[in-house]
Amino acid sequence: MTINAHGCGVITREKLAPGTPVLLDLLTDQRQAKGIVVDAVMLDQSGEDWLVGIELGNQGNFWGLLDAPADWQSLEEP
């Protein structure tokens, strides 16, 4: 998984279509955020692994990183 203030990239076993709504659960802090799939890229020829880009509905430090870049703090916190 890769993260930033605008969303994340996750590897899934099936392709999710752009526009698909998703709910992200941050289990360590018991927080949730709504997002939307913006793209899906096949990672192998079998079509079993996909890199799915998800855009958060509210941008900011949803991830709770203590050392997040300064510009993340200017975005809306969850």
C-alpha atoms as a PDB file:
ATOM      1  CA  MET A   1       0.000   0.000   0.000  1.00  0.00           C
ATOM      2  CA  THR A   2       1.143   3.510  -0.769  1.00  0.00           C
ATOM      3  CA  ILE A   3      -0.470   6.522   0.867  1.00  0.00           C
ATOM      4  CA  ASN A   4      -0.607  10.282   0.549  1.00  0.00           C
ATOM      5  CA  ALA A   5      -2.858  13.142   1.602  1.00  0.00           C
ATOM      6  CA  HIS A   6      -5.147  12.575  -1.376  1.00  0.00           C
ATOM      7  CA  GLY A   7      -5.612   8.810  -1.170  1.00  0.00           C
ATOM      8  CA  CYS A   8      -3.798   5.541  -1.591  1.00  0.00           C
ATOM      9  CA  GLY A   9      -2.837   2.712  -3.885  1.00  0.00           C
ATOM     10  CA  VAL A  10      -3.716  -0.824  -2.845  1.00  0.00           C
ATOM     11  CA  ILE A  11      -3.196  -4.224  -4.436  1.00  0.00           C
ATOM     12  CA  THR A  12      -6.391  -6.211  -4.915  1.00  0.00           C
ATOM     13  CA  ARG A  13      -7.267  -9.590  -6.398  1.00  0.00           C
ATOM     14  CA  GLU A  14      -9.924  -8.154  -8.693  1.00  0.00           C
ATOM     15  CA  LYS A  15     -10.247  -5.079 -10.825  1.00  0.00           C
ATOM     16  CA  LEU A  16     -12.411  -2.313  -9.404  1.00  0.00           C
ATOM     17  CA  ALA A  17     -13.947   0.035 -11.942  1.00  0.00           C
ATOM     18  CA  PRO A  18     -13.244   3.776 -11.783  1.00  0.00           C
ATOM     19  CA  GLY A  19     -16.030   5.498  -9.886  1.00  0.00           C
ATOM     20  CA  THR A  20     -16.582   2.580  -7.493  1.00  0.00           C
ATOM     21  CA  PRO A  21     -17.178   3.905  -3.973  1.00  0.00           C
ATOM     22  CA  VAL A  22     -15.009   2.367  -1.248  1.00  0.00           C
ATOM     23  CA  LEU A  23     -14.837   2.580   2.536  1.00  0.00           C
ATOM     24  CA  LEU A  24     -11.353   2.517   4.043  1.00  0.00           C
ATOM     25  CA  ASP A  25     -11.018   1.166   7.581  1.00  0.00           C
ATOM     26  CA  LEU A  26      -7.952   2.228   9.558  1.00  0.00           C
ATOM     27  CA  LEU A  27      -7.996  -0.608  12.064  1.00  0.00           C
ATOM     28  CA  THR A  28      -5.267   0.745  14.338  1.00  0.00           C
ATOM     29  CA  ASP A  29      -7.269   3.911  15.120  1.00  0.00           C
ATOM     30  CA  GLN A  30     -10.765   2.604  14.348  1.00  0.00           C
ATOM     31  CA  ARG A  31     -11.342   5.372  11.793  1.00  0.00           C
ATOM     32  CA  GLN A  32     -13.094   5.217   8.455  1.00  0.00           C
ATOM     33  CA  ALA A  33     -12.918   7.310   5.322  1.00  0.00           C
ATOM     34  CA  LYS A  34     -14.953   7.284   2.156  1.00  0.00           C
ATOM     35  CA  GLY A  35     -13.163   7.214  -1.145  1.00  0.00           C
ATOM     36  CA  ILE A  36     -13.620   6.469  -4.808  1.00  0.00           C
ATOM     37  CA  VAL A  37     -11.625   4.321  -7.234  1.00  0.00           C
ATOM     38  CA  VAL A  38      -9.871   6.475  -9.810  1.00  0.00           C
ATOM     39  CA  ASP A  39      -7.875   3.841 -11.705  1.00  0.00           C
ATOM     40  CA  ALA A  40      -6.873   0.167 -11.764  1.00  0.00           C
ATOM     41  CA  VAL A  41      -3.723  -1.205 -13.381  1.00  0.00           C
ATOM     42  CA  MET A  42      -3.110  -4.917 -14.000  1.00  0.00           C
ATOM     43  CA  LEU A  43       0.122  -6.025 -12.309  1.00  0.00           C
ATOM     44  CA  ASP A  44       0.535  -9.445 -13.918  1.00  0.00           C
ATOM     45  CA  GLN A  45      -0.612 -11.216 -17.064  1.00  0.00           C
ATOM     46  CA  SER A  46      -2.937 -13.532 -15.127  1.00  0.00           C
ATOM     47  CA  GLY A  47      -5.177 -10.607 -14.194  1.00  0.00           C
ATOM     48  CA  GLU A  48      -5.153 -11.719 -10.567  1.00  0.00           C
ATOM     49  CA  ASP A  49      -3.319  -8.715  -9.103  1.00  0.00           C
ATOM     50  CA  TRP A  50      -4.416  -5.112  -9.586  1.00  0.00           C
ATOM     51  CA  LEU A  51      -2.997  -1.834  -8.336  1.00  0.00           C
ATOM     52  CA  VAL A  52      -6.076   0.241  -7.480  1.00  0.00           C
ATOM     53  CA  GLY A  53      -5.840   3.998  -6.967  1.00  0.00           C
ATOM     54  CA  ILE A  54      -8.294   5.398  -4.413  1.00  0.00           C
ATOM     55  CA  GLU A  55      -9.017   9.089  -3.868  1.00  0.00           C
ATOM     56  CA  LEU A  56     -10.170  10.109  -0.389  1.00  0.00           C
ATOM     57  CA  GLY A  57     -13.374  12.119  -0.036  1.00  0.00           C
ATOM     58  CA  ASN A  58     -11.681  14.391   2.551  1.00  0.00           C
ATOM     59  CA  GLN A  59      -8.014  15.014   1.938  1.00  0.00           C
ATOM     60  CA  GLY A  60      -5.537  15.232   4.776  1.00  0.00           C
ATOM     61  CA  ASN A  61      -3.710  13.068   7.261  1.00  0.00           C
ATOM     62  CA  PHE A  62      -6.368  10.368   7.586  1.00  0.00           C
ATOM     63  CA  TRP A  63      -3.486   7.932   8.088  1.00  0.00           C
ATOM     64  CA  GLY A  64      -2.461   9.511  11.393  1.00  0.00           C
ATOM     65  CA  LEU A  65       1.208   9.851  10.496  1.00  0.00           C
ATOM     66  CA  LEU A  66       3.122  11.755  13.153  1.00  0.00           C
ATOM     67  CA  ASP A  67       5.789  12.892  10.702  1.00  0.00           C
ATOM     68  CA  ALA A  68       3.474  13.722   7.796  1.00  0.00           C
ATOM     69  CA  PRO A  69       4.666  16.422   5.405  1.00  0.00           C
ATOM     70  CA  ALA A  70       3.706  19.959   6.453  1.00  0.00           C
ATOM     71  CA  ASP A  71       1.375  20.461   3.469  1.00  0.00           C
ATOM     72  CA  TRP A  72      -0.791  17.521   4.665  1.00  0.00           C
ATOM     73  CA  GLN A  73      -1.714  19.560   7.737  1.00  0.00           C
ATOM     74  CA  SER A  74      -3.221  22.336   5.611  1.00  0.00           C
ATOM     75  CA  LEU A  75      -5.712  19.887   4.178  1.00  0.00           C
ATOM     76  CA  GLU A  76      -8.921  18.963   5.974  1.00  0.00           C
ATOM     77  CA  GLU A  77      -8.309  16.559   8.866  1.00  0.00           C
ATOM     78  CA  PRO A  78     -10.720  13.623   9.300  1.00  0.00           C
END
